């Protein structure tokens, strides 16, 4: 009985290795394509000089294969490629994630993507570029974005305001679709804080007109 089980184990391990090798070969075929597409989108998120490589590290067999991917990243010329999660800042990681989603989403049929504060750690002109990329993606699929940046929020066709109220015993969240006028006020609040100034309102209107 043990001899039979051992033989079965050997056969299954061989089949697993064969399947894993075939899967890895398919992934290698796509690696250069993903890299090229990703590099193109990095410029769109204000990382024009960044370099990125996708390498594969052998691992014990798992449900996802015999190799695991690792992104090697360099934000500036002359800097060596190192693991993305170790050398990239929070804002850089967020932008690389968005660029990757854009690269993959362009060639995969997706009905909707949700970006939950993927623009963390950025502001100003970079935030505007990120918003523009999300707007471009929205031409092919529904994009839902949770953001605290007015440059990003202004790009959406619809603006929902999520608010939270609490008592000693309960907490409730509400979602309201903003009218055009309320949207200007909310963008102005995002720009200036609790006290909404006329200058902030003017800037909010300018953001919406530039959408």
N, C-alpha and C. Protein backbone atom coordinates (compact mmCIF):
# COMPACT_ATOMS: atom_id res chain seq x y z
N UNK A 1 0.83 -1.21 0.00
CA UNK A 1 0.00 0.00 0.00
C UNK A 1 0.87 1.26 0.00
N UNK A 2 1.89 1.29 0.86
CA UNK A 2 2.76 2.45 0.93
C UNK A 2 3.53 2.63 -0.37
N UNK A 3 3.93 1.49 -0.96
CA UNK A 3 4.65 1.57 -2.23
C UNK A 3 3.77 2.16 -3.32
N UNK A 4 2.48 1.78 -3.31
CA UNK A 4 1.54 2.29 -4.30
C UNK A 4 1.32 3.79 -4.12
N UNK A 5 1.18 4.22 -2.86
CA UNK A 5 0.98 5.63 -2.57
C UNK A 5 2.21 6.46 -2.95
N UNK A 6 3.39 5.89 -2.72
CA UNK A 6 4.61 6.58 -3.08
C UNK A 6 4.71 6.78 -4.58
N UNK A 7 4.35 5.75 -5.33
CA UNK A 7 4.37 5.84 -6.79
C UNK A 7 3.37 6.89 -7.27
N UNK A 8 2.20 6.91 -6.63
CA UNK A 8 1.18 7.90 -6.99
C UNK A 8 1.68 9.31 -6.68
N UNK A 9 2.36 9.47 -5.56
CA UNK A 9 2.91 10.78 -5.20
C UNK A 9 3.92 11.25 -6.24
N UNK A 10 4.79 10.33 -6.67
CA UNK A 10 5.80 10.68 -7.67
C UNK A 10 5.15 11.12 -8.98
N UNK A 11 4.09 10.39 -9.38
CA UNK A 11 3.38 10.74 -10.62
C UNK A 11 2.70 12.11 -10.51
N UNK A 12 2.10 12.36 -9.36
CA UNK A 12 1.41 13.64 -9.16
C UNK A 12 2.41 14.79 -9.12
N UNK A 13 3.55 14.58 -8.50
CA UNK A 13 4.57 15.64 -8.45
C UNK A 13 5.10 15.94 -9.85
N UNK A 14 5.25 14.90 -10.66
CA UNK A 14 5.71 15.09 -12.03
C UNK A 14 4.68 15.87 -12.85
N UNK A 15 3.41 15.51 -12.66
CA UNK A 15 2.34 16.22 -13.38
C UNK A 15 2.26 17.67 -12.93
N UNK A 16 2.44 17.90 -11.63
CA UNK A 16 2.41 19.26 -11.10
C UNK A 16 3.55 20.09 -11.68
N UNK A 17 4.73 19.50 -11.76
CA UNK A 17 5.88 20.21 -12.32
C UNK A 17 5.67 20.53 -13.79
N UNK A 18 5.10 19.58 -14.52
CA UNK A 18 4.84 19.80 -15.94
C UNK A 18 3.85 20.95 -16.14
N UNK A 19 2.77 20.93 -15.36
CA UNK A 19 1.77 21.99 -15.46
C UNK A 19 2.36 23.34 -15.06
N UNK A 20 3.15 23.34 -13.99
CA UNK A 20 3.77 24.58 -13.53
C UNK A 20 4.75 25.14 -14.54
N UNK A 21 5.48 24.26 -15.22
CA UNK A 21 6.43 24.70 -16.24
C UNK A 21 5.72 25.30 -17.44
N UNK A 22 4.61 24.68 -17.85
CA UNK A 22 3.83 25.21 -18.97
C UNK A 22 3.25 26.58 -18.61
N UNK A 23 2.74 26.72 -17.39
CA UNK A 23 2.18 27.99 -16.93
C UNK A 23 3.26 29.07 -16.93
N UNK A 24 4.45 28.72 -16.45
CA UNK A 24 5.54 29.70 -16.39
C UNK A 24 5.96 30.14 -17.79
N UNK A 25 5.97 29.21 -18.73
CA UNK A 25 6.34 29.56 -20.10
C UNK A 25 5.36 30.57 -20.69
N UNK A 26 4.07 30.38 -20.42
CA UNK A 26 3.05 31.33 -20.88
C UNK A 26 3.26 32.69 -20.23
N UNK A 27 3.60 32.70 -18.96
CA UNK A 27 3.82 33.97 -18.27
C UNK A 27 5.04 34.69 -18.82
N UNK A 28 6.09 33.94 -19.15
CA UNK A 28 7.28 34.56 -19.71
C UNK A 28 6.98 35.22 -21.04
N UNK A 29 6.08 34.63 -21.81
CA UNK A 29 5.69 35.22 -23.09
C UNK A 29 5.05 36.59 -22.88
N UNK A 30 4.34 36.74 -21.77
CA UNK A 30 3.62 37.99 -21.50
C UNK A 30 4.44 39.01 -20.73
N UNK A 31 5.57 38.57 -20.16
CA UNK A 31 6.35 39.47 -19.30
C UNK A 31 6.80 40.72 -20.03
N UNK A 32 7.38 40.57 -21.24
CA UNK A 32 7.87 41.73 -21.97
C UNK A 32 6.73 42.64 -22.38
N UNK A 33 5.60 42.05 -22.76
CA UNK A 33 4.44 42.85 -23.14
C UNK A 33 3.96 43.70 -21.96
N UNK A 34 3.87 43.08 -20.78
CA UNK A 34 3.42 43.80 -19.60
C UNK A 34 4.41 44.91 -19.26
N UNK A 35 5.70 44.61 -19.34
CA UNK A 35 6.73 45.60 -19.03
C UNK A 35 6.63 46.80 -19.97
N UNK A 36 6.51 46.55 -21.26
CA UNK A 36 6.45 47.65 -22.22
C UNK A 36 5.21 48.52 -22.00
N UNK A 37 4.07 47.87 -21.77
CA UNK A 37 2.84 48.62 -21.53
C UNK A 37 2.94 49.43 -20.24
N UNK A 38 3.53 48.83 -19.24
CA UNK A 38 3.65 49.48 -17.94
C UNK A 38 4.56 50.70 -18.03
N UNK A 39 5.68 50.57 -18.73
CA UNK A 39 6.60 51.70 -18.88
C UNK A 39 5.90 52.88 -19.56
N UNK A 40 5.06 52.58 -20.55
CA UNK A 40 4.33 53.64 -21.23
C UNK A 40 3.41 54.40 -20.29
N UNK A 41 2.75 53.68 -19.40
CA UNK A 41 1.81 54.32 -18.47
C UNK A 41 2.52 55.03 -17.32
N UNK A 42 3.76 54.66 -17.03
CA UNK A 42 4.47 55.34 -15.95
C UNK A 42 4.65 56.82 -16.25
N UNK A 43 4.82 57.17 -17.52
CA UNK A 43 4.91 58.58 -17.88
C UNK A 43 3.60 59.30 -17.60
N UNK A 44 2.49 58.59 -17.77
CA UNK A 44 1.18 59.20 -17.54
C UNK A 44 0.92 59.48 -16.07
N UNK A 45 1.66 58.83 -15.18
CA UNK A 45 1.48 59.07 -13.74
C UNK A 45 2.70 59.80 -13.16
N UNK A 46 3.38 60.54 -14.02
CA UNK A 46 4.48 61.41 -13.61
C UNK A 46 5.70 60.65 -13.08
N UNK A 47 5.99 59.51 -13.71
CA UNK A 47 7.22 58.77 -13.42
C UNK A 47 7.93 58.50 -14.75
N UNK A 48 8.26 59.56 -15.50
CA UNK A 48 8.78 59.37 -16.87
C UNK A 48 10.16 58.73 -16.94
N UNK A 49 10.95 58.85 -15.88
CA UNK A 49 12.31 58.32 -15.91
C UNK A 49 12.45 57.03 -15.12
N UNK A 50 11.35 56.51 -14.66
CA UNK A 50 11.39 55.28 -13.86
C UNK A 50 11.68 54.07 -14.76
N UNK A 51 12.34 53.08 -14.17
CA UNK A 51 12.59 51.81 -14.84
C UNK A 51 11.96 50.69 -14.01
N UNK A 52 11.48 49.68 -14.70
CA UNK A 52 10.85 48.58 -13.98
C UNK A 52 11.11 47.27 -14.73
N UNK A 53 11.40 46.25 -13.99
CA UNK A 53 11.63 44.92 -14.55
C UNK A 53 10.78 43.92 -13.77
N UNK A 54 10.26 42.95 -14.50
CA UNK A 54 9.49 41.87 -13.87
C UNK A 54 10.35 40.61 -13.90
N UNK A 55 10.71 40.13 -12.72
CA UNK A 55 11.51 38.90 -12.64
C UNK A 55 10.69 37.83 -11.94
N UNK A 56 11.11 36.58 -12.14
CA UNK A 56 10.39 35.45 -11.56
C UNK A 56 11.31 34.67 -10.64
N UNK A 57 10.85 34.41 -9.44
CA UNK A 57 11.63 33.67 -8.45
C UNK A 57 11.01 32.30 -8.23
N UNK A 58 11.85 31.27 -8.33
CA UNK A 58 11.36 29.91 -8.13
C UNK A 58 10.94 29.71 -6.68
N UNK A 59 9.86 28.98 -6.49
CA UNK A 59 9.34 28.71 -5.15
C UNK A 59 8.78 27.30 -5.10
N UNK A 60 8.47 26.84 -3.92
CA UNK A 60 7.82 25.54 -3.78
C UNK A 60 6.46 25.61 -4.46
N UNK A 61 5.98 24.50 -5.03
CA UNK A 61 4.70 24.52 -5.74
C UNK A 61 3.56 25.04 -4.87
N UNK A 62 2.78 25.96 -5.44
CA UNK A 62 1.60 26.50 -4.77
C UNK A 62 0.46 26.54 -5.78
N UNK A 63 -0.68 27.03 -5.35
CA UNK A 63 -1.84 27.12 -6.23
C UNK A 63 -1.61 28.08 -7.39
N UNK A 64 -0.62 28.98 -7.26
CA UNK A 64 -0.37 29.97 -8.32
C UNK A 64 0.87 29.62 -9.14
N UNK A 65 1.45 28.46 -8.93
CA UNK A 65 2.54 28.03 -9.79
C UNK A 65 3.85 27.76 -9.08
N UNK A 66 4.89 27.56 -9.90
CA UNK A 66 6.23 27.23 -9.39
C UNK A 66 7.11 28.46 -9.23
N UNK A 67 6.64 29.60 -9.73
CA UNK A 67 7.42 30.83 -9.67
C UNK A 67 6.52 31.98 -9.20
N UNK A 68 7.11 32.92 -8.51
CA UNK A 68 6.35 34.10 -8.08
C UNK A 68 6.99 35.34 -8.70
N UNK A 69 6.17 36.31 -9.10
CA UNK A 69 6.72 37.51 -9.74
C UNK A 69 7.22 38.51 -8.71
N UNK A 70 8.22 39.28 -9.12
CA UNK A 70 8.68 40.39 -8.30
C UNK A 70 9.03 41.55 -9.22
N UNK A 71 8.51 42.73 -8.87
CA UNK A 71 8.79 43.92 -9.65
C UNK A 71 10.03 44.60 -9.08
N UNK A 72 11.01 44.84 -9.96
CA UNK A 72 12.22 45.57 -9.61
C UNK A 72 12.07 46.98 -10.14
N UNK A 73 12.39 47.97 -9.32
CA UNK A 73 12.01 49.35 -9.63
C UNK A 73 13.15 50.32 -9.38
N UNK A 74 13.25 51.32 -10.24
CA UNK A 74 14.17 52.43 -10.04
C UNK A 74 13.44 53.70 -10.49
N UNK A 75 13.32 54.67 -9.60
CA UNK A 75 12.57 55.88 -9.91
C UNK A 75 13.39 56.89 -10.70
N UNK A 76 14.72 56.85 -10.54
CA UNK A 76 15.57 57.87 -11.13
C UNK A 76 16.76 57.26 -11.88
N UNK A 77 17.22 57.92 -12.94
CA UNK A 77 18.38 57.43 -13.69
C UNK A 77 19.60 57.28 -12.78
N UNK A 78 20.32 56.21 -12.95
CA UNK A 78 21.51 55.96 -12.15
C UNK A 78 21.26 55.16 -10.90
N UNK A 79 19.99 55.02 -10.50
CA UNK A 79 19.67 54.23 -9.31
C UNK A 79 19.49 52.77 -9.72
N UNK A 80 20.03 51.84 -8.93
CA UNK A 80 19.90 50.42 -9.30
C UNK A 80 18.46 49.93 -9.14
N UNK A 81 18.14 48.91 -9.90
CA UNK A 81 16.83 48.27 -9.77
C UNK A 81 16.80 47.46 -8.48
N UNK A 82 15.80 47.72 -7.65
CA UNK A 82 15.62 47.00 -6.40
C UNK A 82 14.15 46.66 -6.24
N UNK A 83 13.80 45.74 -5.32
CA UNK A 83 12.39 45.37 -5.15
C UNK A 83 11.50 46.58 -4.91
N UNK A 84 10.42 46.65 -5.66
CA UNK A 84 9.50 47.79 -5.62
C UNK A 84 9.04 48.10 -4.20
N UNK A 85 8.68 47.06 -3.45
CA UNK A 85 8.12 47.28 -2.11
C UNK A 85 9.14 47.77 -1.11
N UNK A 86 10.43 47.74 -1.48
CA UNK A 86 11.47 48.17 -0.55
C UNK A 86 12.02 49.57 -0.86
N UNK A 87 12.00 49.96 -2.13
CA UNK A 87 12.65 51.23 -2.49
C UNK A 87 11.67 52.31 -2.93
N UNK A 88 10.45 51.95 -3.30
CA UNK A 88 9.49 52.95 -3.77
C UNK A 88 8.77 53.59 -2.60
N UNK A 89 8.54 54.89 -2.68
CA UNK A 89 7.75 55.57 -1.66
C UNK A 89 6.29 55.16 -1.79
N UNK A 90 5.48 55.56 -0.82
CA UNK A 90 4.06 55.23 -0.87
C UNK A 90 3.40 55.79 -2.11
N UNK A 91 3.74 57.03 -2.47
CA UNK A 91 3.16 57.63 -3.67
C UNK A 91 3.62 56.93 -4.93
N UNK A 92 4.89 56.54 -4.98
CA UNK A 92 5.40 55.83 -6.15
C UNK A 92 4.73 54.47 -6.29
N UNK A 93 4.56 53.77 -5.18
CA UNK A 93 3.90 52.47 -5.24
C UNK A 93 2.46 52.61 -5.73
N UNK A 94 1.77 53.64 -5.26
CA UNK A 94 0.39 53.88 -5.68
C UNK A 94 0.32 54.11 -7.18
N UNK A 95 1.25 54.91 -7.70
CA UNK A 95 1.24 55.23 -9.13
C UNK A 95 1.61 54.02 -9.99
N UNK A 96 2.55 53.20 -9.51
CA UNK A 96 2.90 51.99 -10.25
C UNK A 96 1.69 51.04 -10.29
N UNK A 97 0.98 50.93 -9.17
CA UNK A 97 -0.22 50.08 -9.15
C UNK A 97 -1.25 50.57 -10.16
N UNK A 98 -1.46 51.89 -10.21
CA UNK A 98 -2.42 52.44 -11.16
C UNK A 98 -1.96 52.18 -12.59
N UNK A 99 -0.67 52.38 -12.86
CA UNK A 99 -0.15 52.12 -14.20
C UNK A 99 -0.32 50.65 -14.58
N UNK A 100 -0.10 49.75 -13.63
CA UNK A 100 -0.26 48.32 -13.91
C UNK A 100 -1.73 47.99 -14.19
N UNK A 101 -2.63 48.57 -13.39
CA UNK A 101 -4.06 48.34 -13.63
C UNK A 101 -4.47 48.88 -14.99
N UNK A 102 -3.90 50.01 -15.37
CA UNK A 102 -4.21 50.59 -16.67
C UNK A 102 -3.70 49.70 -17.80
N UNK A 103 -2.47 49.20 -17.65
CA UNK A 103 -1.87 48.35 -18.68
C UNK A 103 -2.65 47.06 -18.85
N UNK A 104 -3.03 46.44 -17.74
CA UNK A 104 -3.77 45.17 -17.82
C UNK A 104 -5.21 45.39 -18.23
N UNK A 105 -5.83 46.45 -17.70
CA UNK A 105 -7.23 46.71 -17.99
C UNK A 105 -7.50 47.08 -19.43
N UNK A 106 -6.48 47.58 -20.11
CA UNK A 106 -6.65 47.98 -21.50
C UNK A 106 -6.88 46.79 -22.42
N UNK A 107 -6.37 45.63 -22.03
CA UNK A 107 -6.43 44.46 -22.90
C UNK A 107 -7.25 43.32 -22.31
N UNK A 108 -7.89 43.61 -21.19
CA UNK A 108 -8.75 42.60 -20.56
C UNK A 108 -10.14 43.19 -20.43
N UNK A 109 -11.14 42.42 -20.72
CA UNK A 109 -12.51 42.92 -20.63
C UNK A 109 -12.92 43.02 -19.17
N UNK A 110 -12.97 44.24 -18.68
CA UNK A 110 -13.38 44.51 -17.31
C UNK A 110 -14.55 45.47 -17.33
N UNK A 111 -15.59 45.17 -16.58
CA UNK A 111 -16.74 46.06 -16.54
C UNK A 111 -16.54 47.19 -15.56
N UNK A 112 -15.71 46.95 -14.53
CA UNK A 112 -15.55 47.95 -13.49
C UNK A 112 -14.24 47.74 -12.73
N UNK A 113 -13.60 48.85 -12.35
CA UNK A 113 -12.45 48.80 -11.46
C UNK A 113 -12.69 49.80 -10.33
N UNK A 114 -12.29 49.42 -9.13
CA UNK A 114 -12.43 50.28 -7.96
C UNK A 114 -11.05 50.64 -7.45
N UNK A 115 -10.77 51.93 -7.37
CA UNK A 115 -9.50 52.43 -6.85
C UNK A 115 -9.74 53.04 -5.48
N UNK A 116 -9.28 52.36 -4.45
CA UNK A 116 -9.48 52.82 -3.07
C UNK A 116 -8.26 53.60 -2.60
N UNK A 117 -8.31 54.91 -2.76
CA UNK A 117 -7.23 55.81 -2.35
C UNK A 117 -5.89 55.38 -2.96
N UNK A 118 -5.93 55.01 -4.22
CA UNK A 118 -4.71 54.60 -4.91
C UNK A 118 -3.81 55.80 -5.20
N UNK A 119 -4.35 57.01 -5.00
CA UNK A 119 -3.58 58.23 -5.22
C UNK A 119 -2.93 58.75 -3.94
N UNK A 120 -2.82 57.90 -2.93
CA UNK A 120 -2.19 58.29 -1.66
C UNK A 120 -0.75 58.72 -1.88
N UNK A 121 -0.36 59.82 -1.23
CA UNK A 121 1.03 60.25 -1.26
C UNK A 121 1.39 61.16 -2.42
N UNK A 122 0.39 61.63 -3.19
CA UNK A 122 0.68 62.52 -4.30
C UNK A 122 -0.16 63.78 -4.16
N UNK A 123 0.14 64.80 -4.97
CA UNK A 123 -0.62 66.04 -4.95
C UNK A 123 -0.28 66.85 -6.19
N UNK A 124 -0.91 68.01 -6.32
CA UNK A 124 -0.57 68.94 -7.38
C UNK A 124 -0.68 68.40 -8.79
N UNK A 125 0.36 68.69 -9.60
CA UNK A 125 0.35 68.30 -11.01
C UNK A 125 0.32 66.79 -11.17
N UNK A 126 0.97 66.06 -10.26
CA UNK A 126 0.95 64.60 -10.34
C UNK A 126 -0.46 64.08 -10.14
N UNK A 127 -1.19 64.67 -9.19
CA UNK A 127 -2.57 64.26 -8.95
C UNK A 127 -3.43 64.49 -10.19
N UNK A 128 -3.17 65.58 -10.89
CA UNK A 128 -3.93 65.86 -12.10
C UNK A 128 -3.65 64.81 -13.17
N UNK A 129 -2.38 64.39 -13.30
CA UNK A 129 -2.04 63.36 -14.28
C UNK A 129 -2.69 62.04 -13.94
N UNK A 130 -2.72 61.71 -12.64
CA UNK A 130 -3.37 60.47 -12.21
C UNK A 130 -4.87 60.54 -12.52
N UNK A 131 -5.48 61.68 -12.25
CA UNK A 131 -6.90 61.85 -12.56
C UNK A 131 -7.17 61.72 -14.05
N UNK A 132 -6.27 62.26 -14.87
CA UNK A 132 -6.44 62.15 -16.32
C UNK A 132 -6.37 60.70 -16.78
N UNK A 133 -5.48 59.91 -16.18
CA UNK A 133 -5.37 58.51 -16.55
C UNK A 133 -6.63 57.75 -16.16
N UNK A 134 -7.16 58.03 -14.97
CA UNK A 134 -8.40 57.39 -14.56
C UNK A 134 -9.54 57.76 -15.51
N UNK A 135 -9.56 59.02 -15.92
CA UNK A 135 -10.58 59.46 -16.86
C UNK A 135 -10.46 58.73 -18.19
N UNK A 136 -9.23 58.49 -18.63
CA UNK A 136 -9.00 57.74 -19.86
C UNK A 136 -9.51 56.30 -19.73
N UNK A 137 -9.22 55.68 -18.60
CA UNK A 137 -9.70 54.31 -18.37
C UNK A 137 -11.22 54.26 -18.36
N UNK A 138 -11.85 55.33 -17.86
CA UNK A 138 -13.32 55.36 -17.75
C UNK A 138 -14.01 55.39 -19.11
N UNK A 139 -13.25 55.61 -20.18
CA UNK A 139 -13.85 55.58 -21.51
C UNK A 139 -14.17 54.15 -21.94
N UNK A 140 -13.52 53.16 -21.30
CA UNK A 140 -13.70 51.76 -21.68
C UNK A 140 -14.40 50.93 -20.61
N UNK A 141 -14.48 51.44 -19.40
CA UNK A 141 -15.07 50.68 -18.30
C UNK A 141 -15.50 51.64 -17.20
N UNK A 142 -16.28 51.15 -16.28
CA UNK A 142 -16.68 51.99 -15.16
C UNK A 142 -15.54 52.06 -14.15
N UNK A 143 -15.22 53.27 -13.74
CA UNK A 143 -14.18 53.49 -12.74
C UNK A 143 -14.81 54.14 -11.51
N UNK A 144 -14.64 53.51 -10.36
CA UNK A 144 -15.09 54.07 -9.09
C UNK A 144 -13.85 54.38 -8.27
N UNK A 145 -13.70 55.63 -7.87
CA UNK A 145 -12.49 56.06 -7.17
C UNK A 145 -12.82 56.68 -5.82
N UNK A 146 -12.19 56.20 -4.79
CA UNK A 146 -12.28 56.81 -3.47
C UNK A 146 -11.04 57.69 -3.31
N UNK A 147 -11.24 58.99 -3.15
CA UNK A 147 -10.10 59.90 -3.15
C UNK A 147 -10.35 61.08 -2.23
N UNK A 148 -9.27 61.69 -1.78
CA UNK A 148 -9.33 62.94 -1.01
C UNK A 148 -8.71 64.08 -1.81
N UNK A 149 -8.40 63.84 -3.07
CA UNK A 149 -7.74 64.84 -3.89
C UNK A 149 -8.74 65.51 -4.84
N UNK A 150 -8.87 66.83 -4.78
CA UNK A 150 -9.81 67.52 -5.67
C UNK A 150 -9.44 67.38 -7.14
N UNK A 151 -8.14 67.27 -7.44
CA UNK A 151 -7.72 67.13 -8.84
C UNK A 151 -8.23 65.83 -9.43
N UNK A 152 -8.36 64.80 -8.60
CA UNK A 152 -8.88 63.50 -9.05
C UNK A 152 -10.40 63.51 -9.03
N UNK A 153 -10.98 64.00 -7.94
CA UNK A 153 -12.44 64.00 -7.80
C UNK A 153 -13.12 64.80 -8.90
N UNK A 154 -12.45 65.84 -9.38
CA UNK A 154 -13.07 66.70 -10.40
C UNK A 154 -13.18 66.01 -11.76
N UNK A 155 -12.45 64.91 -11.97
CA UNK A 155 -12.46 64.24 -13.27
C UNK A 155 -13.68 63.34 -13.47
N UNK A 156 -14.35 62.98 -12.40
CA UNK A 156 -15.47 62.05 -12.51
C UNK A 156 -16.71 62.67 -13.13
N UNK A 157 -17.51 61.86 -13.75
CA UNK A 157 -18.79 62.34 -14.29
C UNK A 157 -19.82 62.49 -13.19
N UNK A 158 -19.66 61.73 -12.12
CA UNK A 158 -20.56 61.80 -10.97
C UNK A 158 -19.72 61.86 -9.70
N UNK A 159 -20.15 62.69 -8.75
CA UNK A 159 -19.41 62.86 -7.50
C UNK A 159 -20.33 62.45 -6.34
N UNK A 160 -19.93 61.41 -5.63
CA UNK A 160 -20.66 60.96 -4.45
C UNK A 160 -19.90 61.41 -3.21
N UNK A 161 -20.63 61.95 -2.26
CA UNK A 161 -20.03 62.36 -0.99
C UNK A 161 -20.39 61.35 0.09
N UNK A 162 -19.37 60.76 0.69
CA UNK A 162 -19.59 59.79 1.76
C UNK A 162 -19.31 60.48 3.09
N UNK A 163 -20.27 60.43 3.98
CA UNK A 163 -20.12 61.06 5.30
C UNK A 163 -20.49 60.07 6.39
N UNK A 164 -20.01 60.34 7.58
CA UNK A 164 -20.22 59.43 8.70
C UNK A 164 -20.69 60.22 9.91
N UNK A 165 -21.69 59.70 10.60
CA UNK A 165 -22.18 60.31 11.83
C UNK A 165 -22.17 59.26 12.93
N UNK A 166 -21.83 59.69 14.14
CA UNK A 166 -21.72 58.75 15.25
C UNK A 166 -22.42 59.29 16.49
N UNK A 167 -22.96 58.37 17.27
CA UNK A 167 -23.47 58.66 18.60
C UNK A 167 -22.65 57.82 19.57
N UNK A 168 -23.06 57.80 20.82
CA UNK A 168 -22.33 56.98 21.80
C UNK A 168 -22.46 55.49 21.51
N UNK A 169 -23.50 55.10 20.78
CA UNK A 169 -23.75 53.67 20.57
C UNK A 169 -23.79 53.23 19.11
N UNK A 170 -23.89 54.17 18.18
CA UNK A 170 -24.02 53.78 16.77
C UNK A 170 -23.15 54.65 15.87
N UNK A 171 -22.86 54.10 14.71
CA UNK A 171 -22.17 54.84 13.66
C UNK A 171 -22.87 54.55 12.34
N UNK A 172 -23.19 55.61 11.61
CA UNK A 172 -23.89 55.45 10.34
C UNK A 172 -23.12 56.18 9.24
N UNK A 173 -23.05 55.54 8.08
CA UNK A 173 -22.44 56.16 6.90
C UNK A 173 -23.53 56.44 5.88
N UNK A 174 -23.40 57.55 5.18
CA UNK A 174 -24.38 57.90 4.16
C UNK A 174 -23.66 58.29 2.88
N UNK A 175 -24.34 58.08 1.76
CA UNK A 175 -23.79 58.41 0.45
C UNK A 175 -24.78 59.31 -0.26
N UNK A 176 -24.31 60.47 -0.71
CA UNK A 176 -25.18 61.42 -1.40
C UNK A 176 -24.57 61.81 -2.74
N UNK A 177 -25.40 61.82 -3.78
CA UNK A 177 -24.95 62.28 -5.09
C UNK A 177 -25.03 63.80 -5.10
N UNK A 178 -23.92 64.46 -5.41
CA UNK A 178 -23.87 65.92 -5.34
C UNK A 178 -24.43 66.56 -6.61
N UNK A 179 -25.16 67.64 -6.43
CA UNK A 179 -25.58 68.47 -7.55
C UNK A 179 -24.37 69.25 -8.04
N UNK A 180 -24.52 69.92 -9.18
CA UNK A 180 -23.40 70.69 -9.71
C UNK A 180 -22.93 71.75 -8.72
N UNK A 181 -23.89 72.45 -8.10
CA UNK A 181 -23.53 73.49 -7.14
C UNK A 181 -22.86 72.90 -5.90
N UNK A 182 -23.42 71.79 -5.40
CA UNK A 182 -22.86 71.15 -4.21
C UNK A 182 -21.48 70.58 -4.51
N UNK A 183 -21.28 70.18 -5.75
CA UNK A 183 -19.98 69.62 -6.12
C UNK A 183 -18.90 70.71 -6.08
N UNK A 184 -19.23 71.89 -6.55
CA UNK A 184 -18.28 73.00 -6.47
C UNK A 184 -17.91 73.26 -5.02
N UNK A 185 -18.91 73.28 -4.13
CA UNK A 185 -18.66 73.53 -2.71
C UNK A 185 -17.77 72.44 -2.11
N UNK A 186 -18.03 71.18 -2.48
CA UNK A 186 -17.24 70.09 -1.92
C UNK A 186 -15.80 70.12 -2.41
N UNK A 187 -15.61 70.40 -3.69
CA UNK A 187 -14.25 70.51 -4.22
C UNK A 187 -13.52 71.69 -3.56
N UNK A 188 -14.25 72.77 -3.34
CA UNK A 188 -13.65 73.93 -2.66
C UNK A 188 -13.27 73.57 -1.23
N UNK A 189 -14.10 72.78 -0.57
CA UNK A 189 -13.76 72.35 0.79
C UNK A 189 -12.52 71.46 0.78
N UNK A 190 -12.41 70.59 -0.23
CA UNK A 190 -11.24 69.74 -0.34
C UNK A 190 -9.98 70.56 -0.58
N UNK A 191 -10.15 71.70 -1.24
CA UNK A 191 -9.01 72.57 -1.54
C UNK A 191 -8.60 73.44 -0.36
N UNK A 192 -9.60 73.93 0.39
CA UNK A 192 -9.28 74.96 1.39
C UNK A 192 -9.54 74.54 2.83
N UNK A 193 -10.24 73.43 3.05
CA UNK A 193 -10.54 73.03 4.43
C UNK A 193 -11.96 73.40 4.82
N UNK A 194 -12.19 73.47 6.12
CA UNK A 194 -13.55 73.69 6.63
C UNK A 194 -14.13 75.03 6.17
N UNK A 195 -13.30 76.07 6.11
CA UNK A 195 -13.75 77.39 5.68
C UNK A 195 -13.59 77.52 4.17
N UNK A 196 -14.72 77.58 3.47
CA UNK A 196 -14.69 77.65 2.02
C UNK A 196 -14.54 79.09 1.58
N UNK A 197 -13.47 79.37 0.86
CA UNK A 197 -13.21 80.73 0.39
C UNK A 197 -13.67 80.88 -1.07
N UNK A 198 -13.84 82.11 -1.48
CA UNK A 198 -14.24 82.35 -2.87
C UNK A 198 -13.13 81.93 -3.82
N UNK A 199 -11.88 82.12 -3.40
CA UNK A 199 -10.76 81.69 -4.24
C UNK A 199 -10.81 80.18 -4.47
N UNK A 200 -11.16 79.43 -3.40
CA UNK A 200 -11.25 77.98 -3.53
C UNK A 200 -12.40 77.60 -4.46
N UNK A 201 -13.52 78.33 -4.37
CA UNK A 201 -14.65 78.06 -5.26
C UNK A 201 -14.25 78.31 -6.72
N UNK A 202 -13.53 79.39 -6.93
CA UNK A 202 -13.09 79.69 -8.30
C UNK A 202 -12.18 78.59 -8.84
N UNK A 203 -11.31 78.09 -7.98
CA UNK A 203 -10.40 77.03 -8.41
C UNK A 203 -11.17 75.73 -8.66
N UNK A 204 -12.18 75.46 -7.82
CA UNK A 204 -13.01 74.27 -8.02
C UNK A 204 -13.74 74.33 -9.35
N UNK A 205 -14.28 75.49 -9.69
CA UNK A 205 -14.97 75.66 -10.96
C UNK A 205 -14.00 75.47 -12.13
N UNK A 206 -12.77 75.95 -11.95
CA UNK A 206 -11.77 75.80 -13.00
C UNK A 206 -11.41 74.32 -13.21
N UNK A 207 -11.32 73.57 -12.11
CA UNK A 207 -11.04 72.14 -12.22
C UNK A 207 -12.13 71.41 -12.99
N UNK A 208 -13.38 71.76 -12.71
CA UNK A 208 -14.51 71.11 -13.37
C UNK A 208 -14.57 71.48 -14.85
N UNK A 209 -14.25 72.72 -15.17
CA UNK A 209 -14.28 73.14 -16.57
C UNK A 209 -13.17 72.46 -17.38
N UNK A 210 -12.05 72.15 -16.70
CA UNK A 210 -10.91 71.52 -17.38
C UNK A 210 -11.07 70.02 -17.51
N UNK A 211 -12.17 69.46 -16.99
CA UNK A 211 -12.35 68.01 -16.96
C UNK A 211 -12.35 67.42 -18.35
